[in-house]
Amino acid sequence: QVQLVESGGGLVQSGGSLNLSCVDSGHTLRYYAVGWFRQAPGKEREAVSCINNSDYDGQTYYTESVKGRFTISRDNAKNTAFLQMNSLKPEDTAVYSCAAAPYCGGNWKSREYRDWGQGTQVTVSS
């Protein structure tokens, strides 16, 4: 069973960087795709990025607003997925969560995900 815990959030200035981690204490994350999502106050949850499991094809997906700034990766030996966030903007401020899915695919934003973590707060000051 996948049990996800996010960490790495914090307060940074505009232009700064953060590296979020999504650790699976159930040690089965290697078999799943991992999606990163964010939700800002008063807004709906937004899909940010997704990475397929390495045995599938390891392909990555990004929402348009983070392309070139965010990088998703995974380390199966550590049962961990990462979201490296560079050139952060105030509009990136949100609670970031990770979740698992069988694979990302072309409809990765609307796919059903499971085993959501509790989230980590990212705040970008201007």
Foldseek 3Di string as FASTA:
>chain_A
DWAWAKDFADEEAQQAKIKMKIATPVLPLLQWKKWKWWDDPPGDIWTAKIFGRVVVPRDMDGDPVQPPFWDWDADSVRRMIMIIGGRDDQVVWGWMKMFTDNGQPPPNGPDDTDNIHPTDTHGYHD
